Amino acid sequence: MKLVKAVLAASIGAIIASSAVQAKQLTIGFSQIGAESEWRTANTNDVKEAAKAHNVNLKFSDAQQKQENQIKAIRTFIAQKVDLIGLVPIVATGWDNILREAKRAKIPVLIVDRDLTVSDPSLYVAKIGTDSYAEGQKVYKWIDDYVKANNVKPRNGGDKLNIVILEGTVGASATTGRGNGFNDALKADPDGAKKFNILASQTGDFTRQKGQEVMESFLKSNRNDIDILFAMNDDMALGAVQAIEAAGLKPSKDIIIVSVDGVKGIFQAMIDGKTNATVECNPLQGELFFQTAEKVLKGESVPKSVFVEEGVYTADKAAEVFPSRKY
């Protein structure tokens, strides 16, 4: 009987604790990296809308692409004694000390969108968002399938198709993940080295302007040798389209273009016949973030990695899919 009463009391206590979390308006600090792209703006807007839907007091900070601003924001959140902190890490390293401060303050941290590297994985509870490594692998698979299906030949008459890569921000996990996923898929293909050559690879910082500038540089050096462009986000691809057209070439035809994100701008470019495909990196992560945050604050266990669903979209389906896109 005593055991039954003890179990019953524990259960009632857990229910009361859970109800208390639900009844209290949660205050959550969220450190965003900036507004460098159409994708990032959609990500920010979705987080803010989901916060309202969950009746969360959201303390939002835009780091303007500077890690030091994110560290200052997290320190402010700790001083404000928020219930939980969400962090989109601009780069993968350099977070151990500030996350230890949050842990000492007993404030759980959820990593959002990008990954990070820390000496102690317990410094954050879970990562919410996308699988950048899988995105890179999907890009290689799409390229390989496309060139086979369309019997694509090198423009310069050579033996291999030349690929140029517009990388993202140096040190960002999305850059590393997409690059590693692509390169590993290329190496895993027994005929990969026979079919493809990485002609050039350079950062475009995930921005349209830098993507255009770097593509202009690629074209000055290798105008007639580039067969395929892999842009690690859509904004850089859209900038590259401008550079390709200015060079007197036809994007999507003279140079095959595949990018990552899946924003409306790239769907319009596919509809206009200027790019070929995009691998989705879903920015609509707000609902999953706040659902996970509530579970954590109720004391429920959550997986270390929680991924949103993502697809691959091609030019021939772009017009059909475009009206349903939310970002």
C-alpha atoms as a PDB file:
ATOM      1  CA  MET A   1       0.000   0.000   0.000  1.00  0.00           C
ATOM      2  CA  LYS A   2       2.842   2.357   0.901  1.00  0.00           C
ATOM      3  CA  LEU A   3       4.472   1.613  -2.468  1.00  0.00           C
ATOM      4  CA  VAL A   4       1.221   2.351  -4.311  1.00  0.00           C
ATOM      5  CA  LYS A   5       0.832   5.639  -2.436  1.00  0.00           C
ATOM      6  CA  ALA A   6       4.433   6.590  -3.201  1.00  0.00           C
ATOM      7  CA  VAL A   7       3.988   5.867  -6.906  1.00  0.00           C
ATOM      8  CA  LEU A   8       0.695   7.746  -6.953  1.00  0.00           C
ATOM      9  CA  ALA A   9       2.262  10.725  -5.209  1.00  0.00           C
ATOM     10  CA  ALA A  10       5.154  10.775  -7.667  1.00  0.00           C
ATOM     11  CA  SER A  11       2.762  10.627 -10.611  1.00  0.00           C
ATOM     12  CA  ILE A  12       0.649  13.460  -9.224  1.00  0.00           C
ATOM     13  CA  GLY A  13       3.820  15.488  -8.636  1.00  0.00           C
ATOM     14  CA  ALA A  14       4.908  14.981 -12.254  1.00  0.00           C
ATOM     15  CA  ILE A  15       1.481  16.018 -13.516  1.00  0.00           C
ATOM     16  CA  ILE A  16       1.537  19.134 -11.347  1.00  0.00           C
ATOM     17  CA  ALA A  17       5.048  20.016 -12.570  1.00  0.00           C
ATOM     18  CA  SER A  18       3.981  19.499 -16.183  1.00  0.00           C
ATOM     19  CA  SER A  19       0.855  21.602 -15.662  1.00  0.00           C
ATOM     20  CA  ALA A  20       2.955  24.348 -14.094  1.00  0.00           C
ATOM     21  CA  VAL A  21       5.120  24.525 -17.222  1.00  0.00           C
ATOM     22  CA  GLN A  22       2.012  24.674 -19.380  1.00  0.00           C
ATOM     23  CA  ALA A  23       0.310  27.315 -17.211  1.00  0.00           C
ATOM     24  CA  LYS A  24       3.312  29.626 -16.929  1.00  0.00           C
ATOM     25  CA  GLN A  25       4.175  31.757 -19.941  1.00  0.00           C
ATOM     26  CA  LEU A  26       7.592  30.591 -21.011  1.00  0.00           C
ATOM     27  CA  THR A  27      10.359  33.093 -21.708  1.00  0.00           C
ATOM     28  CA  ILE A  28      12.758  31.852 -24.344  1.00  0.00           C
ATOM     29  CA  GLY A  29      15.838  33.599 -25.684  1.00  0.00           C
ATOM     30  CA  PHE A  30      16.654  33.036 -29.347  1.00  0.00           C
ATOM     31  CA  SER A  31      19.954  34.010 -30.984  1.00  0.00           C
ATOM     32  CA  GLN A  32      19.673  34.220 -34.775  1.00  0.00           C
ATOM     33  CA  ILE A  33      22.755  34.687 -36.962  1.00  0.00           C
ATOM     34  CA  GLY A  34      21.338  37.475 -39.129  1.00  0.00           C
ATOM     35  CA  ALA A  35      19.319  38.049 -42.290  1.00  0.00           C
ATOM     36  CA  GLU A  36      21.785  37.057 -44.998  1.00  0.00           C
ATOM     37  CA  SER A  37      19.291  35.385 -47.319  1.00  0.00           C
ATOM     38  CA  GLU A  38      15.679  34.834 -48.273  1.00  0.00           C
ATOM     39  CA  TRP A  39      15.915  31.495 -46.457  1.00  0.00           C
ATOM     40  CA  ARG A  40      17.098  33.078 -43.200  1.00  0.00           C
ATOM     41  CA  THR A  41      14.293  35.623 -43.256  1.00  0.00           C
ATOM     42  CA  ALA A  42      11.760  32.804 -43.639  1.00  0.00           C
ATOM     43  CA  ASN A  43      13.416  30.945 -40.759  1.00  0.00           C
ATOM     44  CA  THR A  44      13.209  34.007 -38.489  1.00  0.00           C
ATOM     45  CA  ASN A  45       9.596  34.774 -39.391  1.00  0.00           C
ATOM     46  CA  ASP A  46       8.569  31.177 -38.747  1.00  0.00           C
ATOM     47  CA  VAL A  47      10.188  31.173 -35.292  1.00  0.00           C
ATOM     48  CA  LYS A  48       8.432  34.425 -34.368  1.00  0.00           C
ATOM     49  CA  GLU A  49       5.040  33.184 -35.606  1.00  0.00           C
ATOM     50  CA  ALA A  50       5.421  29.877 -33.766  1.00  0.00           C
ATOM     51  CA  ALA A  51       6.333  31.757 -30.562  1.00  0.00           C
ATOM     52  CA  LYS A  52       3.022  33.627 -30.754  1.00  0.00           C
ATOM     53  CA  ALA A  53       1.117  30.404 -31.397  1.00  0.00           C
ATOM     54  CA  HIS A  54       2.698  28.837 -28.306  1.00  0.00           C
ATOM     55  CA  ASN A  55       2.178  31.978 -26.176  1.00  0.00           C
ATOM     56  CA  VAL A  56       5.931  32.264 -25.593  1.00  0.00           C
ATOM     57  CA  ASN A  57       7.611  35.472 -24.475  1.00  0.00           C
ATOM     58  CA  LEU A  58      10.333  35.441 -27.130  1.00  0.00           C
ATOM     59  CA  LYS A  59      13.480  37.471 -26.594  1.00  0.00           C
ATOM     60  CA  PHE A  60      14.928  37.576 -30.103  1.00  0.00           C
ATOM     61  CA  SER A  61      18.450  38.697 -30.983  1.00  0.00           C
ATOM     62  CA  ASP A  62      19.884  39.261 -34.490  1.00  0.00           C
ATOM     63  CA  ALA A  63      23.670  38.760 -34.371  1.00  0.00           C
ATOM     64  CA  GLN A  64      24.307  40.429 -37.738  1.00  0.00           C
ATOM     65  CA  GLN A  65      26.707  37.645 -38.765  1.00  0.00           C
ATOM     66  CA  LYS A  66      29.004  38.046 -35.734  1.00  0.00           C
ATOM     67  CA  GLN A  67      29.681  35.278 -33.236  1.00  0.00           C
ATOM     68  CA  GLU A  68      30.647  37.784 -30.547  1.00  0.00           C
ATOM     69  CA  ASN A  69      27.152  39.270 -30.786  1.00  0.00           C
ATOM     70  CA  GLN A  70      25.647  35.835 -30.237  1.00  0.00           C
ATOM     71  CA  ILE A  71      27.793  35.261 -27.165  1.00  0.00           C
ATOM     72  CA  LYS A  72      26.730  38.652 -25.749  1.00  0.00           C
ATOM     73  CA  ALA A  73      23.077  37.801 -26.443  1.00  0.00           C
ATOM     74  CA  ILE A  74      23.308  34.446 -24.666  1.00  0.00           C
ATOM     75  CA  ARG A  75      24.958  36.133 -21.674  1.00  0.00           C
ATOM     76  CA  THR A  76      22.071  38.606 -21.605  1.00  0.00           C
ATOM     77  CA  PHE A  77      19.534  35.762 -21.754  1.00  0.00           C
ATOM     78  CA  ILE A  78      21.273  34.122 -18.800  1.00  0.00           C
ATOM     79  CA  ALA A  79      21.136  37.376 -16.812  1.00  0.00           C
ATOM     80  CA  GLN A  80      17.435  37.664 -17.648  1.00  0.00           C
ATOM     81  CA  LYS A  81      16.912  34.119 -16.327  1.00  0.00           C
ATOM     82  CA  VAL A  82      15.046  32.885 -19.388  1.00  0.00           C
ATOM     83  CA  ASP A  83      13.572  29.385 -19.254  1.00  0.00           C
ATOM     84  CA  LEU A  84      15.442  28.116 -22.318  1.00  0.00           C
ATOM     85  CA  ILE A  85      17.824  29.372 -25.007  1.00  0.00           C
ATOM     86  CA  GLY A  86      17.692  28.676 -28.740  1.00  0.00           C
ATOM     87  CA  LEU A  87      20.920  29.183 -30.700  1.00  0.00           C
ATOM     88  CA  VAL A  88      21.562  29.195 -34.451  1.00  0.00           C
ATOM     89  CA  PRO A  89      25.387  29.007 -34.390  1.00  0.00           C
ATOM     90  CA  ILE A  90      27.011  31.114 -37.090  1.00  0.00           C
ATOM     91  CA  VAL A  91      30.129  28.905 -36.916  1.00  0.00           C
ATOM     92  CA  ALA A  92      30.627  25.450 -35.457  1.00  0.00           C
ATOM     93  CA  THR A  93      33.305  26.143 -32.844  1.00  0.00           C
ATOM     94  CA  GLY A  94      33.974  28.528 -29.957  1.00  0.00           C
ATOM     95  CA  TRP A  95      30.836  27.865 -27.892  1.00  0.00           C
ATOM     96  CA  ASP A  96      32.094  25.814 -24.936  1.00  0.00           C
ATOM     97  CA  ASN A  97      32.550  28.650 -22.437  1.00  0.00           C
ATOM     98  CA  ILE A  98      29.240  30.417 -22.988  1.00  0.00           C
ATOM     99  CA  LEU A  99      27.320  27.139 -23.010  1.00  0.00           C
ATOM    100  CA  ARG A 100      28.976  26.207 -19.717  1.00  0.00           C
ATOM    101  CA  GLU A 101      27.676  29.497 -18.315  1.00  0.00           C
ATOM    102  CA  ALA A 102      24.153  28.558 -19.395  1.00  0.00           C
ATOM    103  CA  LYS A 103      24.529  25.084 -17.912  1.00  0.00           C
ATOM    104  CA  ARG A 104      25.705  26.518 -14.575  1.00  0.00           C
ATOM    105  CA  ALA A 105      22.617  28.737 -14.613  1.00  0.00           C
ATOM    106  CA  LYS A 106      20.524  25.596 -15.250  1.00  0.00           C
ATOM    107  CA  ILE A 107      19.147  27.005 -18.501  1.00  0.00           C
ATOM    108  CA  PRO A 108      18.790  24.329 -21.204  1.00  0.00           C
ATOM    109  CA  VAL A 109      20.028  25.162 -24.708  1.00  0.00           C
ATOM    110  CA  LEU A 110      18.598  23.921 -27.996  1.00  0.00           C
ATOM    111  CA  ILE A 111      20.717  24.271 -31.131  1.00  0.00           C
ATOM    112  CA  VAL A 112      18.700  25.254 -34.200  1.00  0.00           C
ATOM    113  CA  ASP A 113      19.371  24.757 -37.939  1.00  0.00           C
ATOM    114  CA  ARG A 114      23.171  24.490 -37.889  1.00  0.00           C
ATOM    115  CA  ASP A 115      25.470  22.144 -35.975  1.00  0.00           C
ATOM    116  CA  LEU A 116      28.262  22.911 -33.566  1.00  0.00           C
ATOM    117  CA  THR A 117      31.279  21.149 -32.096  1.00  0.00           C
ATOM    118  CA  VAL A 118      31.749  21.177 -28.309  1.00  0.00           C
ATOM    119  CA  SER A 119      33.989  19.266 -25.918  1.00  0.00           C
ATOM    120  CA  ASP A 120      30.992  18.138 -23.859  1.00  0.00           C
ATOM    121  CA  PRO A 121      27.784  17.162 -25.720  1.00  0.00           C
ATOM    122  CA  SER A 122      25.760  17.701 -22.535  1.00  0.00           C
ATOM    123  CA  LEU A 123      26.278  21.464 -22.942  1.00  0.00           C
ATOM    124  CA  TYR A 124      23.197  21.457 -25.167  1.00  0.00           C
ATOM    125  CA  VAL A 125      20.083  19.306 -25.011  1.00  0.00           C
ATOM    126  CA  ALA A 126      19.352  18.715 -28.685  1.00  0.00           C
ATOM    127  CA  LYS A 127      19.766  20.051 -32.215  1.00  0.00           C
ATOM    128  CA  ILE A 128      16.620  20.998 -34.145  1.00  0.00           C
ATOM    129  CA  GLY A 129      16.718  21.475 -37.888  1.00  0.00           C
ATOM    130  CA  THR A 130      18.183  20.122 -41.082  1.00  0.00           C
ATOM    131  CA  ASP A 131      20.691  17.486 -42.162  1.00  0.00           C
ATOM    132  CA  SER A 132      23.279  19.391 -44.193  1.00  0.00           C
ATOM    133  CA  TYR A 133      25.377  16.276 -44.859  1.00  0.00           C
ATOM    134  CA  ALA A 134      22.370  14.525 -46.423  1.00  0.00           C
ATOM    135  CA  GLU A 135      21.680  17.672 -48.481  1.00  0.00           C
ATOM    136  CA  GLY A 136      25.177  17.499 -49.995  1.00  0.00           C
ATOM    137  CA  GLN A 137      24.683  13.847 -50.862  1.00  0.00           C
ATOM    138  CA  LYS A 138      21.351  14.626 -52.512  1.00  0.00           C
ATOM    139  CA  VAL A 139      23.040  17.274 -54.667  1.00  0.00           C
ATOM    140  CA  TYR A 140      25.577  14.748 -55.980  1.00  0.00           C
ATOM    141  CA  LYS A 141      22.893  12.144 -56.654  1.00  0.00           C
ATOM    142  CA  TRP A 142      20.789  14.669 -58.566  1.00  0.00           C
ATOM    143  CA  ILE A 143      23.773  15.763 -60.697  1.00  0.00           C
ATOM    144  CA  ASP A 144      24.778  12.187 -61.444  1.00  0.00           C
ATOM    145  CA  ASP A 145      21.227  11.164 -62.360  1.00  0.00           C
ATOM    146  CA  TYR A 146      20.682  14.284 -64.490  1.00  0.00           C
ATOM    147  CA  VAL A 147      23.810  13.985 -66.608  1.00  0.00           C
ATOM    148  CA  LYS A 148      23.093  10.311 -67.257  1.00  0.00           C
ATOM    149  CA  ALA A 149      19.453  10.905 -68.180  1.00  0.00           C
ATOM    150  CA  ASN A 150      20.311  13.819 -70.478  1.00  0.00           C
ATOM    151  CA  ASN A 151      23.601  12.471 -71.855  1.00  0.00           C
ATOM    152  CA  VAL A 152      25.386  15.689 -70.865  1.00  0.00           C
ATOM    153  CA  LYS A 153      28.824  16.124 -72.438  1.00  0.00           C
ATOM    154  CA  PRO A 154      31.670  18.489 -71.425  1.00  0.00           C
ATOM    155  CA  ARG A 155      31.415  21.810 -73.260  1.00  0.00           C
ATOM    156  CA  ASN A 156      35.160  21.897 -73.880  1.00  0.00           C
ATOM    157  CA  GLY A 157      35.183  18.445 -75.484  1.00  0.00           C
ATOM    158  CA  GLY A 158      37.118  16.906 -72.607  1.00  0.00           C
ATOM    159  CA  ASP A 159      36.633  13.606 -70.811  1.00  0.00           C
ATOM    160  CA  LYS A 160      35.115  14.931 -67.575  1.00  0.00           C
ATOM    161  CA  LEU A 161      32.343  17.320 -66.636  1.00  0.00           C
ATOM    162  CA  ASN A 162      33.769  20.296 -64.756  1.00  0.00           C
ATOM    163  CA  ILE A 163      32.007  21.387 -61.555  1.00  0.00           C
ATOM    164  CA  VAL A 164      32.454  24.700 -59.744  1.00  0.00           C
ATOM    165  CA  ILE A 165      31.215  25.115 -56.193  1.00  0.00           C
ATOM    166  CA  LEU A 166      29.977  28.240 -54.438  1.00  0.00           C
ATOM    167  CA  GLU A 167      30.596  27.441 -50.785  1.00  0.00           C
ATOM    168  CA  GLY A 168      28.818  28.987 -47.822  1.00  0.00           C
ATOM    169  CA  THR A 169      30.322  30.885 -44.900  1.00  0.00           C
ATOM    170  CA  VAL A 170      33.688  29.473 -43.851  1.00  0.00           C
ATOM    171  CA  GLY A 171      33.333  27.510 -40.611  1.00  0.00           C
ATOM    172  CA  ALA A 172      29.547  27.232 -40.809  1.00  0.00           C
ATOM    173  CA  SER A 173      28.273  23.709 -40.233  1.00  0.00           C
ATOM    174  CA  ALA A 174      25.988  23.994 -43.276  1.00  0.00           C
ATOM    175  CA  THR A 175      29.057  24.643 -45.432  1.00  0.00           C
ATOM    176  CA  THR A 176      31.021  21.787 -43.908  1.00  0.00           C
ATOM    177  CA  GLY A 177      28.095  19.367 -43.941  1.00  0.00           C
ATOM    178  CA  ARG A 178      27.041  20.033 -47.525  1.00  0.00           C
ATOM    179  CA  GLY A 179      30.629  19.945 -48.716  1.00  0.00           C
ATOM    180  CA  ASN A 180      31.425  16.695 -46.913  1.00  0.00           C
ATOM    181  CA  GLY A 181      28.182  15.086 -48.043  1.00  0.00           C
ATOM    182  CA  PHE A 182      28.851  15.990 -51.670  1.00  0.00           C
ATOM    183  CA  ASN A 183      32.520  14.965 -51.611  1.00  0.00           C
ATOM    184  CA  ASP A 184      31.815  11.679 -49.825  1.00  0.00           C
ATOM    185  CA  ALA A 185      29.116  10.818 -52.364  1.00  0.00           C
ATOM    186  CA  LEU A 186      31.550  11.610 -55.191  1.00  0.00           C
ATOM    187  CA  LYS A 187      34.240   9.392 -53.630  1.00  0.00           C
ATOM    188  CA  ALA A 188      31.749   6.587 -52.961  1.00  0.00           C
ATOM    189  CA  ASP A 189      30.791   6.515 -56.640  1.00  0.00           C
ATOM    190  CA  PRO A 190      33.218   4.023 -58.313  1.00  0.00           C
ATOM    191  CA  ASP A 191      33.099   6.088 -61.506  1.00  0.00           C
ATOM    192  CA  GLY A 192      32.878   9.501 -59.854  1.00  0.00           C
ATOM    193  CA  ALA A 193      36.486  10.527 -60.531  1.00  0.00           C
ATOM    194  CA  LYS A 194      36.150   9.414 -64.158  1.00  0.00           C
ATOM    195  CA  LYS A 195      33.014  11.498 -64.747  1.00  0.00           C
ATOM    196  CA  PHE A 196      33.539  14.674 -62.742  1.00  0.00           C
ATOM    197  CA  ASN A 197      36.261  17.182 -61.972  1.00  0.00           C
ATOM    198  CA  ILE A 198      36.002  19.885 -59.281  1.00  0.00           C
ATOM    199  CA  LEU A 199      37.377  22.813 -61.253  1.00  0.00           C
ATOM    200  CA  ALA A 200      37.068  25.502 -58.558  1.00  0.00           C
ATOM    201  CA  SER A 201      35.512  25.940 -55.120  1.00  0.00           C
ATOM    202  CA  GLN A 202      35.262  29.209 -53.198  1.00  0.00           C
ATOM    203  CA  THR A 203      33.110  30.804 -50.529  1.00  0.00           C
ATOM    204  CA  GLY A 204      30.272  33.094 -51.528  1.00  0.00           C
ATOM    205  CA  ASP A 205      29.254  33.656 -47.885  1.00  0.00           C
ATOM    206  CA  PHE A 206      25.682  32.498 -48.578  1.00  0.00           C
ATOM    207  CA  THR A 207      24.857  35.911 -50.117  1.00  0.00           C
ATOM    208  CA  ARG A 208      23.578  36.787 -53.583  1.00  0.00           C
ATOM    209  CA  GLN A 209      26.086  39.580 -54.148  1.00  0.00           C
ATOM    210  CA  LYS A 210      29.108  37.478 -53.198  1.00  0.00           C
ATOM    211  CA  GLY A 211      27.767  34.553 -55.227  1.00  0.00           C
ATOM    212  CA  GLN A 212      27.640  36.809 -58.280  1.00  0.00           C
ATOM    213  CA  GLU A 213      31.153  38.150 -57.654  1.00  0.00           C
ATOM    214  CA  VAL A 214      32.724  34.723 -57.216  1.00  0.00           C
ATOM    215  CA  MET A 215      30.916  33.308 -60.259  1.00  0.00           C
ATOM    216  CA  GLU A 216      32.227  36.242 -62.307  1.00  0.00           C
ATOM    217  CA  SER A 217      35.721  35.276 -61.178  1.00  0.00           C
ATOM    218  CA  PHE A 218      35.153  31.626 -62.107  1.00  0.00           C
ATOM    219  CA  LEU A 219      33.955  32.647 -65.569  1.00  0.00           C
ATOM    220  CA  LYS A 220      36.902  34.956 -66.231  1.00  0.00           C
ATOM    221  CA  SER A 221      39.277  32.051 -65.631  1.00  0.00           C
ATOM    222  CA  ASN A 222      37.249  29.168 -67.064  1.00  0.00           C
ATOM    223  CA  ARG A 223      34.431  30.566 -69.213  1.00  0.00           C
ATOM    224  CA  ASN A 224      34.297  27.636 -71.648  1.00  0.00           C
ATOM    225  CA  ASP A 225      35.170  24.883 -69.180  1.00  0.00           C
ATOM    226  CA  ILE A 226      32.390  25.110 -66.566  1.00  0.00           C
ATOM    227  CA  ASP A 227      29.631  22.550 -67.061  1.00  0.00           C
ATOM    228  CA  ILE A 228      27.940  22.427 -63.644  1.00  0.00           C
ATOM    229  CA  LEU A 229      27.483  24.838 -60.735  1.00  0.00           C
ATOM    230  CA  PHE A 230      26.760  23.565 -57.229  1.00  0.00           C
ATOM    231  CA  ALA A 231      25.749  26.538 -55.069  1.00  0.00           C
ATOM    232  CA  MET A 232      25.432  25.761 -51.376  1.00  0.00           C
ATOM    233  CA  ASN A 233      22.397  28.029 -51.141  1.00  0.00           C
ATOM    234  CA  ASP A 234      19.808  29.471 -53.501  1.00  0.00           C
ATOM    235  CA  ASP A 235      20.801  33.106 -53.025  1.00  0.00           C
ATOM    236  CA  MET A 236      24.329  32.441 -54.298  1.00  0.00           C
ATOM    237  CA  ALA A 237      22.830  30.537 -57.236  1.00  0.00           C
ATOM    238  CA  LEU A 238      20.628  33.511 -58.107  1.00  0.00           C
ATOM    239  CA  GLY A 239      23.655  35.797 -57.994  1.00  0.00           C
ATOM    240  CA  ALA A 240      25.543  33.348 -60.198  1.00  0.00           C
ATOM    241  CA  VAL A 241      22.724  33.400 -62.756  1.00  0.00           C
ATOM    242  CA  GLN A 242      23.321  37.135 -63.216  1.00  0.00           C
ATOM    243  CA  ALA A 243      27.038  36.557 -63.727  1.00  0.00           C
ATOM    244  CA  ILE A 244      26.431  33.744 -66.243  1.00  0.00           C
ATOM    245  CA  GLU A 245      24.002  35.855 -68.274  1.00  0.00           C
ATOM    246  CA  ALA A 246      26.388  38.818 -68.219  1.00  0.00           C
ATOM    247  CA  ALA A 247      29.056  36.524 -69.658  1.00  0.00           C
ATOM    248  CA  GLY A 248      26.801  35.721 -72.618  1.00  0.00           C
ATOM    249  CA  LEU A 249      25.979  32.176 -71.506  1.00  0.00           C
ATOM    250  CA  LYS A 250      22.638  30.537 -70.796  1.00  0.00           C
ATOM    251  CA  PRO A 251      22.153  29.437 -67.186  1.00  0.00           C
ATOM    252  CA  SER A 252      20.621  25.944 -66.826  1.00  0.00           C
ATOM    253  CA  LYS A 253      21.627  25.109 -70.406  1.00  0.00           C
ATOM    254  CA  ASP A 254      25.270  26.041 -70.944  1.00  0.00           C
ATOM    255  CA  ILE A 255      25.877  25.633 -67.216  1.00  0.00           C
ATOM    256  CA  ILE A 256      23.699  23.256 -65.189  1.00  0.00           C
ATOM    257  CA  ILE A 257      22.773  24.805 -61.826  1.00  0.00           C
ATOM    258  CA  VAL A 258      21.752  23.008 -58.643  1.00  0.00           C
ATOM    259  CA  SER A 259      21.527  24.706 -55.259  1.00  0.00           C
ATOM    260  CA  VAL A 260      20.266  24.164 -51.724  1.00  0.00           C
ATOM    261  CA  ASP A 261      17.370  25.752 -49.776  1.00  0.00           C
ATOM    262  CA  GLY A 262      14.174  25.698 -51.827  1.00  0.00           C
ATOM    263  CA  VAL A 263      13.077  29.344 -51.497  1.00  0.00           C
ATOM    264  CA  LYS A 264      10.460  30.900 -53.758  1.00  0.00           C
ATOM    265  CA  GLY A 265      13.102  32.856 -55.654  1.00  0.00           C
ATOM    266  CA  ILE A 266      14.771  29.697 -56.905  1.00  0.00           C
ATOM    267  CA  PHE A 267      11.426  28.182 -57.890  1.00  0.00           C
ATOM    268  CA  GLN A 268      10.757  31.271 -60.015  1.00  0.00           C
ATOM    269  CA  ALA A 269      14.224  30.901 -61.545  1.00  0.00           C
ATOM    270  CA  MET A 270      13.450  27.275 -62.421  1.00  0.00           C
ATOM    271  CA  ILE A 271      10.116  28.311 -63.928  1.00  0.00           C
ATOM    272  CA  ASP A 272      11.991  30.937 -65.993  1.00  0.00           C
ATOM    273  CA  GLY A 273      14.389  28.248 -67.210  1.00  0.00           C
ATOM    274  CA  LYS A 274      17.438  29.670 -65.418  1.00  0.00           C
ATOM    275  CA  THR A 275      18.268  26.956 -62.872  1.00  0.00           C
ATOM    276  CA  ASN A 276      17.749  23.193 -62.860  1.00  0.00           C
ATOM    277  CA  ALA A 277      17.126  21.931 -59.331  1.00  0.00           C
ATOM    278  CA  THR A 278      17.149  22.743 -55.641  1.00  0.00           C
ATOM    279  CA  VAL A 279      17.634  20.469 -52.654  1.00  0.00           C
ATOM    280  CA  GLU A 280      15.337  21.602 -49.891  1.00  0.00           C
ATOM    281  CA  CYS A 281      16.683  22.924 -46.608  1.00  0.00           C
ATOM    282  CA  ASN A 282      13.458  23.552 -44.740  1.00  0.00           C
ATOM    283  CA  PRO A 283      13.486  26.836 -42.752  1.00  0.00           C
ATOM    284  CA  LEU A 284      10.090  26.198 -41.161  1.00  0.00           C
ATOM    285  CA  GLN A 285      11.530  24.960 -37.882  1.00  0.00           C
ATOM    286  CA  GLY A 286       9.660  27.129 -35.376  1.00  0.00           C
ATOM    287  CA  GLU A 287       6.877  24.679 -34.486  1.00  0.00           C
ATOM    288  CA  LEU A 288       9.323  21.816 -33.983  1.00  0.00           C
ATOM    289  CA  PHE A 289      11.586  24.066 -31.898  1.00  0.00           C
ATOM    290  CA  PHE A 290       8.864  25.151 -29.476  1.00  0.00           C
ATOM    291  CA  GLN A 291       7.341  21.674 -29.259  1.00  0.00           C
ATOM    292  CA  THR A 292      10.771  20.341 -28.316  1.00  0.00           C
ATOM    293  CA  ALA A 293      11.408  23.212 -25.890  1.00  0.00           C
ATOM    294  CA  GLU A 294       8.161  22.475 -24.065  1.00  0.00           C
ATOM    295  CA  LYS A 295       9.064  18.795 -23.777  1.00  0.00           C
ATOM    296  CA  VAL A 296      12.484  19.654 -22.370  1.00  0.00           C
ATOM    297  CA  LEU A 297      11.016  22.024 -19.790  1.00  0.00           C
ATOM    298  CA  LYS A 298       8.514  19.352 -18.724  1.00  0.00           C
ATOM    299  CA  GLY A 299      11.404  17.006 -18.080  1.00  0.00           C
ATOM    300  CA  GLU A 300      10.653  14.728 -21.030  1.00  0.00           C
ATOM    301  CA  SER A 301      13.502  13.120 -22.960  1.00  0.00           C
ATOM    302  CA  VAL A 302      14.079  14.178 -26.581  1.00  0.00           C
ATOM    303  CA  PRO A 303      16.394  12.802 -29.313  1.00  0.00           C
ATOM    304  CA  LYS A 304      19.778  14.516 -29.616  1.00  0.00           C
ATOM    305  CA  SER A 305      18.989  15.347 -33.254  1.00  0.00           C
ATOM    306  CA  VAL A 306      15.478  16.236 -34.463  1.00  0.00           C
ATOM    307  CA  PHE A 307      15.251  16.788 -38.232  1.00  0.00           C
ATOM    308  CA  VAL A 308      12.549  18.452 -40.323  1.00  0.00           C
ATOM    309  CA  GLU A 309      11.418  16.840 -43.589  1.00  0.00           C
ATOM    310  CA  GLU A 310      13.164  17.901 -46.820  1.00  0.00           C
ATOM    311  CA  GLY A 311      12.774  17.084 -50.512  1.00  0.00           C
ATOM    312  CA  VAL A 312      14.404  17.631 -53.916  1.00  0.00           C
ATOM    313  CA  TYR A 313      12.673  19.835 -56.505  1.00  0.00           C
ATOM    314  CA  THR A 314      13.401  20.061 -60.222  1.00  0.00           C
ATOM    315  CA  ALA A 315      12.643  22.583 -62.948  1.00  0.00           C
ATOM    316  CA  ASP A 316      10.019  20.401 -64.624  1.00  0.00           C
ATOM    317  CA  LYS A 317       7.918  20.408 -61.431  1.00  0.00           C
ATOM    318  CA  ALA A 318       8.607  23.971 -60.298  1.00  0.00           C
ATOM    319  CA  ALA A 319       5.453  25.604 -61.685  1.00  0.00           C
ATOM    320  CA  GLU A 320       3.294  22.909 -60.119  1.00  0.00           C
ATOM    321  CA  VAL A 321       4.921  23.213 -56.695  1.00  0.00           C
ATOM    322  CA  PHE A 322       5.399  27.004 -56.578  1.00  0.00           C
ATOM    323  CA  PRO A 323       1.887  27.995 -55.391  1.00  0.00           C
ATOM    324  CA  SER A 324       2.180  25.788 -52.301  1.00  0.00           C
ATOM    325  CA  ARG A 325       5.579  27.125 -51.169  1.00  0.00           C
ATOM    326  CA  LYS A 326       5.466  28.976 -47.863  1.00  0.00           C
ATOM    327  CA  TYR A 327       8.890  30.600 -48.141  1.00  0.00           C
END
